[in-house]
Amino acid sequence: MRVLCVGRHAFLSEHLCRVFRDAGADCEPAVGASAALRRAAELEPHAVVCDSDLITPALLDSWAAEPVLSQVPVLAVSLTRRPEESAPAELNGLAAVIYLPSIEREQVVALLAGLHRPRGVTAPPAWRMSAPAASVHTG
């Protein structure tokens, strides 16, 4: 799973990458909202983990208007505010609000598993492709 980790400075974005990489994600850091948009175009992330201090309604609206991010769940991560201290995630258009100091690795793994949405088309298990018909040339 590809995760874009957005922080207000390099130390924080790298720290977010370490936490989610330890849970099995392929992470890329981005510093600031504008860098996040550029990195998202390169990475095509399955999820965005973003410093909650960067998240505004205008930012979420701008990301929703971008094809590469419009269907990507956004997790707000805080080092200082607990989820109960903010508005419910659903009201803000977020997948979740996470208080990073209290989350365990197993919880991060479960969270990522719940967010992962495979891309592309998966054929049903019983589907089989028939052999191509032989072409006969008559002359």
N, C-alpha and C. Protein backbone atom coordinates (compact mmCIF):
# COMPACT_ATOMS: atom_id res chain seq x y z
N MET A 1 0.84 -1.18 0.00
CA MET A 1 0.00 0.00 0.00
C MET A 1 0.88 1.24 0.00
N ARG A 2 0.59 2.17 -0.90
CA ARG A 2 1.37 3.41 -0.99
C ARG A 2 0.71 4.50 -0.16
N VAL A 3 1.51 5.10 0.73
CA VAL A 3 1.01 6.14 1.63
C VAL A 3 1.86 7.39 1.47
N LEU A 4 1.19 8.51 1.27
CA LEU A 4 1.86 9.81 1.22
C LEU A 4 1.75 10.43 2.60
N CYS A 5 2.89 10.75 3.22
CA CYS A 5 2.94 11.30 4.57
C CYS A 5 3.28 12.78 4.50
N VAL A 6 2.33 13.61 4.87
CA VAL A 6 2.46 15.06 4.72
C VAL A 6 2.61 15.72 6.08
N GLY A 7 3.71 16.44 6.25
CA GLY A 7 3.95 17.17 7.49
C GLY A 7 4.25 18.62 7.22
N ARG A 8 4.21 19.42 8.27
CA ARG A 8 4.51 20.85 8.09
C ARG A 8 5.99 21.11 8.00
N HIS A 9 6.81 20.10 8.34
CA HIS A 9 8.26 20.19 8.17
C HIS A 9 8.81 18.79 7.91
N ALA A 10 10.04 18.73 7.43
CA ALA A 10 10.64 17.45 7.00
C ALA A 10 10.72 16.44 8.13
N PHE A 11 11.07 16.89 9.34
CA PHE A 11 11.19 15.96 10.45
C PHE A 11 9.87 15.24 10.70
N LEU A 12 8.77 15.97 10.66
CA LEU A 12 7.46 15.36 10.92
C LEU A 12 7.03 14.43 9.79
N SER A 13 7.22 14.84 8.55
CA SER A 13 6.82 13.97 7.45
C SER A 13 7.64 12.68 7.45
N GLU A 14 8.92 12.77 7.77
CA GLU A 14 9.76 11.56 7.87
C GLU A 14 9.32 10.69 9.04
N HIS A 15 8.95 11.31 10.15
CA HIS A 15 8.48 10.55 11.32
C HIS A 15 7.20 9.79 10.97
N LEU A 16 6.28 10.45 10.28
CA LEU A 16 5.05 9.77 9.85
C LEU A 16 5.37 8.60 8.94
N CYS A 17 6.34 8.78 8.05
CA CYS A 17 6.77 7.69 7.17
C CYS A 17 7.28 6.51 7.98
N ARG A 18 8.09 6.77 9.00
CA ARG A 18 8.63 5.67 9.82
C ARG A 18 7.50 4.89 10.49
N VAL A 19 6.54 5.60 11.06
CA VAL A 19 5.43 4.93 11.76
C VAL A 19 4.65 4.04 10.80
N PHE A 20 4.30 4.55 9.63
CA PHE A 20 3.48 3.78 8.70
C PHE A 20 4.30 2.76 7.92
N ARG A 21 5.58 3.02 7.71
CA ARG A 21 6.45 2.04 7.07
C ARG A 21 6.62 0.83 7.98
N ASP A 22 6.72 1.06 9.29
CA ASP A 22 6.83 -0.04 10.25
C ASP A 22 5.59 -0.93 10.22
N ALA A 23 4.49 -0.40 9.73
CA ALA A 23 3.25 -1.18 9.63
C ALA A 23 3.10 -1.83 8.26
N GLY A 24 4.13 -1.71 7.41
CA GLY A 24 4.13 -2.39 6.13
C GLY A 24 3.81 -1.54 4.92
N ALA A 25 3.60 -0.25 5.10
CA ALA A 25 3.26 0.61 3.96
C ALA A 25 4.52 1.08 3.24
N ASP A 26 4.35 1.38 1.96
CA ASP A 26 5.40 2.00 1.15
C ASP A 26 5.13 3.50 1.24
N CYS A 27 5.97 4.23 1.97
CA CYS A 27 5.70 5.63 2.29
C CYS A 27 6.63 6.60 1.58
N GLU A 28 6.08 7.76 1.26
CA GLU A 28 6.85 8.87 0.69
C GLU A 28 6.51 10.12 1.49
N PRO A 29 7.53 10.90 1.87
CA PRO A 29 7.27 12.14 2.62
C PRO A 29 6.99 13.31 1.69
N ALA A 30 6.25 14.27 2.21
CA ALA A 30 6.01 15.55 1.53
C ALA A 30 5.92 16.62 2.60
N VAL A 31 6.53 17.76 2.34
CA VAL A 31 6.49 18.87 3.28
C VAL A 31 5.55 19.94 2.73
N GLY A 32 4.42 20.13 3.41
CA GLY A 32 3.45 21.14 3.00
C GLY A 32 2.45 20.62 1.99
N ALA A 33 1.36 21.37 1.87
CA ALA A 33 0.25 20.96 1.00
C ALA A 33 0.60 21.00 -0.48
N SER A 34 1.36 21.99 -0.91
CA SER A 34 1.68 22.06 -2.35
C SER A 34 2.63 20.94 -2.76
N ALA A 35 3.58 20.60 -1.90
CA ALA A 35 4.47 19.48 -2.20
C ALA A 35 3.69 18.17 -2.20
N ALA A 36 2.68 18.08 -1.36
CA ALA A 36 1.86 16.87 -1.31
C ALA A 36 1.18 16.61 -2.65
N LEU A 37 0.69 17.65 -3.26
CA LEU A 37 0.02 17.50 -4.55
C LEU A 37 0.99 17.03 -5.63
N ARG A 38 2.18 17.59 -5.64
CA ARG A 38 3.20 17.15 -6.62
C ARG A 38 3.60 15.70 -6.38
N ARG A 39 3.83 15.34 -5.12
CA ARG A 39 4.25 13.97 -4.79
C ARG A 39 3.12 12.97 -5.09
N ALA A 40 1.88 13.38 -4.87
CA ALA A 40 0.74 12.49 -5.13
C ALA A 40 0.66 12.14 -6.61
N ALA A 41 0.98 13.09 -7.47
CA ALA A 41 0.95 12.83 -8.91
C ALA A 41 1.99 11.78 -9.29
N GLU A 42 3.11 11.76 -8.59
CA GLU A 42 4.17 10.78 -8.87
C GLU A 42 3.87 9.43 -8.22
N LEU A 43 3.37 9.45 -7.00
CA LEU A 43 3.19 8.24 -6.19
C LEU A 43 1.87 7.52 -6.44
N GLU A 44 0.80 8.26 -6.77
CA GLU A 44 -0.55 7.71 -6.84
C GLU A 44 -0.86 6.92 -5.57
N PRO A 45 -0.94 7.63 -4.43
CA PRO A 45 -1.10 6.95 -3.14
C PRO A 45 -2.46 6.29 -2.96
N HIS A 46 -2.46 5.27 -2.11
CA HIS A 46 -3.70 4.62 -1.70
C HIS A 46 -4.31 5.36 -0.51
N ALA A 47 -3.46 6.09 0.24
CA ALA A 47 -3.92 6.87 1.40
C ALA A 47 -2.97 8.04 1.61
N VAL A 48 -3.49 9.09 2.24
CA VAL A 48 -2.68 10.24 2.63
C VAL A 48 -2.76 10.36 4.14
N VAL A 49 -1.61 10.44 4.78
CA VAL A 49 -1.52 10.69 6.21
C VAL A 49 -1.02 12.12 6.33
N CYS A 50 -1.80 12.98 6.97
CA CYS A 50 -1.47 14.40 6.98
C CYS A 50 -1.49 14.96 8.39
N ASP A 51 -0.50 15.77 8.70
CA ASP A 51 -0.44 16.52 9.95
C ASP A 51 -1.75 17.30 10.08
N SER A 52 -2.45 17.10 11.18
CA SER A 52 -3.77 17.74 11.33
C SER A 52 -3.69 19.26 11.33
N ASP A 53 -2.54 19.83 11.68
CA ASP A 53 -2.41 21.29 11.66
C ASP A 53 -2.42 21.86 10.25
N LEU A 54 -2.18 21.03 9.25
CA LEU A 54 -2.20 21.49 7.86
C LEU A 54 -3.59 21.40 7.23
N ILE A 55 -4.45 20.60 7.82
CA ILE A 55 -5.74 20.32 7.20
C ILE A 55 -6.74 21.45 7.45
N THR A 56 -7.26 21.94 6.34
CA THR A 56 -8.33 22.95 6.36
C THR A 56 -9.41 22.50 5.39
N PRO A 57 -10.62 23.03 5.52
CA PRO A 57 -11.65 22.69 4.53
C PRO A 57 -11.22 23.04 3.11
N ALA A 58 -10.53 24.16 2.94
CA ALA A 58 -10.07 24.55 1.60
C ALA A 58 -9.08 23.54 1.04
N LEU A 59 -8.18 23.04 1.88
CA LEU A 59 -7.20 22.04 1.43
C LEU A 59 -7.92 20.76 1.00
N LEU A 60 -8.84 20.29 1.82
CA LEU A 60 -9.56 19.06 1.48
C LEU A 60 -10.38 19.24 0.20
N ASP A 61 -10.97 20.42 0.02
CA ASP A 61 -11.71 20.70 -1.22
C ASP A 61 -10.78 20.68 -2.43
N SER A 62 -9.59 21.27 -2.28
CA SER A 62 -8.66 21.30 -3.42
C SER A 62 -8.17 19.90 -3.75
N TRP A 63 -7.90 19.08 -2.73
CA TRP A 63 -7.49 17.70 -2.99
C TRP A 63 -8.62 16.90 -3.63
N ALA A 64 -9.86 17.16 -3.21
CA ALA A 64 -11.01 16.43 -3.77
C ALA A 64 -11.20 16.77 -5.25
N ALA A 65 -10.72 17.92 -5.67
CA ALA A 65 -10.85 18.33 -7.08
C ALA A 65 -9.74 17.76 -7.96
N GLU A 66 -8.73 17.16 -7.36
CA GLU A 66 -7.61 16.58 -8.11
C GLU A 66 -7.88 15.10 -8.37
N PRO A 67 -7.85 14.67 -9.63
CA PRO A 67 -8.13 13.26 -9.94
C PRO A 67 -7.26 12.28 -9.17
N VAL A 68 -6.00 12.61 -8.96
CA VAL A 68 -5.09 11.68 -8.29
C VAL A 68 -5.41 11.53 -6.79
N LEU A 69 -6.13 12.50 -6.21
CA LEU A 69 -6.44 12.45 -4.78
C LEU A 69 -7.94 12.37 -4.47
N SER A 70 -8.77 12.53 -5.45
CA SER A 70 -10.21 12.65 -5.19
C SER A 70 -10.82 11.44 -4.48
N GLN A 71 -10.30 10.26 -4.72
CA GLN A 71 -10.84 9.04 -4.10
C GLN A 71 -9.93 8.46 -3.03
N VAL A 72 -8.92 9.24 -2.63
CA VAL A 72 -7.92 8.75 -1.67
C VAL A 72 -8.32 9.15 -0.25
N PRO A 73 -8.41 8.18 0.68
CA PRO A 73 -8.75 8.53 2.05
C PRO A 73 -7.63 9.34 2.71
N VAL A 74 -8.03 10.32 3.53
CA VAL A 74 -7.08 11.18 4.23
C VAL A 74 -7.20 10.91 5.73
N LEU A 75 -6.06 10.62 6.35
CA LEU A 75 -5.99 10.43 7.80
C LEU A 75 -5.35 11.66 8.40
N ALA A 76 -6.02 12.28 9.36
CA ALA A 76 -5.43 13.41 10.07
C ALA A 76 -4.68 12.85 11.27
N VAL A 77 -3.42 13.26 11.41
CA VAL A 77 -2.59 12.76 12.50
C VAL A 77 -2.15 13.93 13.36
N SER A 78 -2.32 13.77 14.66
CA SER A 78 -1.91 14.83 15.58
C SER A 78 -0.96 14.27 16.64
N LEU A 79 -0.02 15.07 17.01
CA LEU A 79 0.88 14.72 18.11
C LEU A 79 0.42 15.38 19.41
N THR A 80 -0.53 16.30 19.32
CA THR A 80 -0.94 17.06 20.50
C THR A 80 -2.42 16.96 20.84
N ARG A 81 -3.28 16.79 19.84
CA ARG A 81 -4.73 16.75 20.09
C ARG A 81 -5.27 15.34 19.91
N ARG A 82 -6.07 14.92 20.87
CA ARG A 82 -6.73 13.62 20.78
C ARG A 82 -7.96 13.74 19.87
N PRO A 83 -8.39 12.62 19.26
CA PRO A 83 -9.54 12.67 18.34
C PRO A 83 -10.79 13.29 18.97
N GLU A 84 -11.02 13.03 20.26
CA GLU A 84 -12.23 13.57 20.90
C GLU A 84 -12.16 15.09 21.08
N GLU A 85 -10.99 15.67 20.87
CA GLU A 85 -10.84 17.12 20.97
C GLU A 85 -11.10 17.83 19.65
N SER A 86 -11.40 17.09 18.60
CA SER A 86 -11.71 17.69 17.30
C SER A 86 -13.09 17.23 16.84
N ALA A 87 -13.55 17.87 15.78
CA ALA A 87 -14.84 17.46 15.20
C ALA A 87 -14.71 16.03 14.67
N PRO A 88 -15.81 15.29 14.63
CA PRO A 88 -15.74 13.92 14.10
C PRO A 88 -15.16 13.90 12.68
N ALA A 89 -14.36 12.89 12.42
CA ALA A 89 -13.67 12.78 11.13
C ALA A 89 -14.63 12.88 9.95
N GLU A 90 -15.79 12.21 10.06
CA GLU A 90 -16.74 12.19 8.95
C GLU A 90 -17.24 13.59 8.60
N LEU A 91 -17.38 14.44 9.60
CA LEU A 91 -17.87 15.80 9.35
C LEU A 91 -16.84 16.64 8.59
N ASN A 92 -15.59 16.27 8.71
CA ASN A 92 -14.52 17.01 8.04
C ASN A 92 -14.12 16.38 6.71
N GLY A 93 -14.73 15.26 6.35
CA GLY A 93 -14.35 14.57 5.12
C GLY A 93 -13.09 13.75 5.27
N LEU A 94 -12.76 13.36 6.49
CA LEU A 94 -11.55 12.58 6.76
C LEU A 94 -11.92 11.11 6.99
N ALA A 95 -10.97 10.24 6.70
CA ALA A 95 -11.18 8.81 6.98
C ALA A 95 -11.05 8.54 8.47
N ALA A 96 -10.14 9.26 9.14
CA ALA A 96 -9.93 9.07 10.58
C ALA A 96 -9.09 10.22 11.12
N VAL A 97 -9.18 10.39 12.44
CA VAL A 97 -8.31 11.32 13.15
C VAL A 97 -7.54 10.47 14.15
N ILE A 98 -6.21 10.57 14.10
CA ILE A 98 -5.35 9.71 14.91
C ILE A 98 -4.50 10.55 15.85
N TYR A 99 -4.45 10.12 17.11
CA TYR A 99 -3.54 10.72 18.08
C TYR A 99 -2.30 9.83 18.08
N LEU A 100 -1.27 10.26 17.41
CA LEU A 100 -0.10 9.41 17.13
C LEU A 100 0.58 8.84 18.38
N PRO A 101 0.75 9.61 19.47
CA PRO A 101 1.45 9.04 20.63
C PRO A 101 0.78 7.81 21.24
N SER A 102 -0.52 7.62 21.02
CA SER A 102 -1.20 6.50 21.68
C SER A 102 -1.46 5.30 20.77
N ILE A 103 -1.12 5.39 19.50
CA ILE A 103 -1.46 4.31 18.58
C ILE A 103 -0.36 3.25 18.56
N GLU A 104 -0.78 2.00 18.56
CA GLU A 104 0.14 0.86 18.52
C GLU A 104 0.31 0.39 17.08
N ARG A 105 1.42 -0.31 16.83
CA ARG A 105 1.71 -0.80 15.48
C ARG A 105 0.56 -1.64 14.93
N GLU A 106 0.01 -2.54 15.75
CA GLU A 106 -1.08 -3.40 15.30
C GLU A 106 -2.30 -2.58 14.88
N GLN A 107 -2.53 -1.47 15.57
CA GLN A 107 -3.65 -0.61 15.22
C GLN A 107 -3.41 0.08 13.87
N VAL A 108 -2.16 0.46 13.62
CA VAL A 108 -1.81 1.08 12.34
C VAL A 108 -1.99 0.06 11.22
N VAL A 109 -1.56 -1.17 11.44
CA VAL A 109 -1.72 -2.24 10.44
C VAL A 109 -3.20 -2.43 10.12
N ALA A 110 -4.03 -2.51 11.16
CA ALA A 110 -5.48 -2.71 10.96
C ALA A 110 -6.10 -1.51 10.25
N LEU A 111 -5.67 -0.32 10.60
CA LEU A 111 -6.18 0.89 9.96
C LEU A 111 -5.85 0.90 8.47
N LEU A 112 -4.61 0.58 8.13
CA LEU A 112 -4.21 0.54 6.73
C LEU A 112 -4.97 -0.54 5.96
N ALA A 113 -5.17 -1.69 6.58
CA ALA A 113 -5.92 -2.77 5.92
C ALA A 113 -7.35 -2.33 5.64
N GLY A 114 -7.94 -1.59 6.55
CA GLY A 114 -9.30 -1.11 6.35
C GLY A 114 -9.42 -0.04 5.28
N LEU A 115 -8.34 0.69 5.06
CA LEU A 115 -8.36 1.77 4.07
C LEU A 115 -8.02 1.31 2.66
N HIS A 116 -7.32 0.20 2.55
CA HIS A 116 -6.81 -0.22 1.25
C HIS A 116 -7.94 -0.56 0.30
N ARG A 117 -7.92 0.10 -0.84
CA ARG A 117 -8.88 -0.17 -1.91
C ARG A 117 -8.09 -0.54 -3.14
N PRO A 118 -8.13 -1.80 -3.54
CA PRO A 118 -7.37 -2.19 -4.73
C PRO A 118 -7.81 -1.37 -5.94
N ARG A 119 -6.87 -1.09 -6.79
CA ARG A 119 -7.18 -0.36 -8.02
C ARG A 119 -7.24 -1.33 -9.18
N GLY A 120 -7.97 -0.96 -10.18
CA GLY A 120 -8.07 -1.80 -11.36
C GLY A 120 -9.24 -2.76 -11.23
N VAL A 121 -9.24 -3.75 -12.07
CA VAL A 121 -10.34 -4.71 -12.12
C VAL A 121 -9.80 -6.07 -11.71
N THR A 122 -10.52 -6.74 -10.84
CA THR A 122 -10.15 -8.09 -10.44
C THR A 122 -11.19 -9.04 -11.01
N ALA A 123 -10.74 -10.01 -11.76
CA ALA A 123 -11.65 -10.99 -12.35
C ALA A 123 -12.16 -11.92 -11.26
N PRO A 124 -13.41 -12.37 -11.36
CA PRO A 124 -13.93 -13.33 -10.40
C PRO A 124 -13.08 -14.60 -10.41
N PRO A 125 -12.94 -15.27 -9.26
CA PRO A 125 -12.09 -16.47 -9.19
C PRO A 125 -12.50 -17.58 -10.16
N ALA A 126 -13.80 -17.70 -10.46
CA ALA A 126 -14.27 -18.77 -11.33
C ALA A 126 -14.12 -18.44 -12.81
N TRP A 127 -13.76 -17.22 -13.12
CA TRP A 127 -13.67 -16.79 -14.52
C TRP A 127 -12.46 -17.41 -15.19
N ARG A 128 -12.68 -17.99 -16.34
CA ARG A 128 -11.60 -18.60 -17.12
C ARG A 128 -11.68 -18.09 -18.54
N MET A 129 -10.56 -17.82 -19.13
CA MET A 129 -10.53 -17.35 -20.50
C MET A 129 -10.46 -18.56 -21.42
N SER A 130 -11.32 -18.59 -22.41
CA SER A 130 -11.31 -19.72 -23.34
C SER A 130 -10.14 -19.58 -24.30
N ALA A 131 -9.76 -20.70 -24.86
CA ALA A 131 -8.65 -20.70 -25.82
C ALA A 131 -9.09 -19.95 -27.07
N PRO A 132 -8.18 -19.20 -27.69
CA PRO A 132 -8.56 -18.47 -28.89
C PRO A 132 -8.93 -19.44 -30.01
N ALA A 133 -9.91 -19.05 -30.78
CA ALA A 133 -10.36 -19.88 -31.91
C ALA A 133 -9.28 -19.89 -32.98
N ALA A 134 -9.10 -21.05 -33.58
CA ALA A 134 -8.11 -21.16 -34.66
C ALA A 134 -8.65 -20.46 -35.89
N SER A 135 -7.80 -19.75 -36.54
CA SER A 135 -8.26 -19.09 -37.77
C SER A 135 -7.89 -19.95 -38.96
N VAL A 136 -8.81 -20.07 -39.85
CA VAL A 136 -8.61 -20.90 -41.03
C VAL A 136 -8.64 -19.98 -42.23
N HIS A 137 -7.63 -20.08 -43.02
CA HIS A 137 -7.58 -19.28 -44.24
C HIS A 137 -7.91 -20.17 -45.43
N THR A 138 -8.85 -19.75 -46.20
CA THR A 138 -9.18 -20.49 -47.43
C THR A 138 -8.81 -19.63 -48.61
N GLY A 139 -8.36 -20.27 -49.54
CA GLY A 139 -7.83 -19.47 -50.57
C GLY A 139 -8.36 -19.56 -51.86
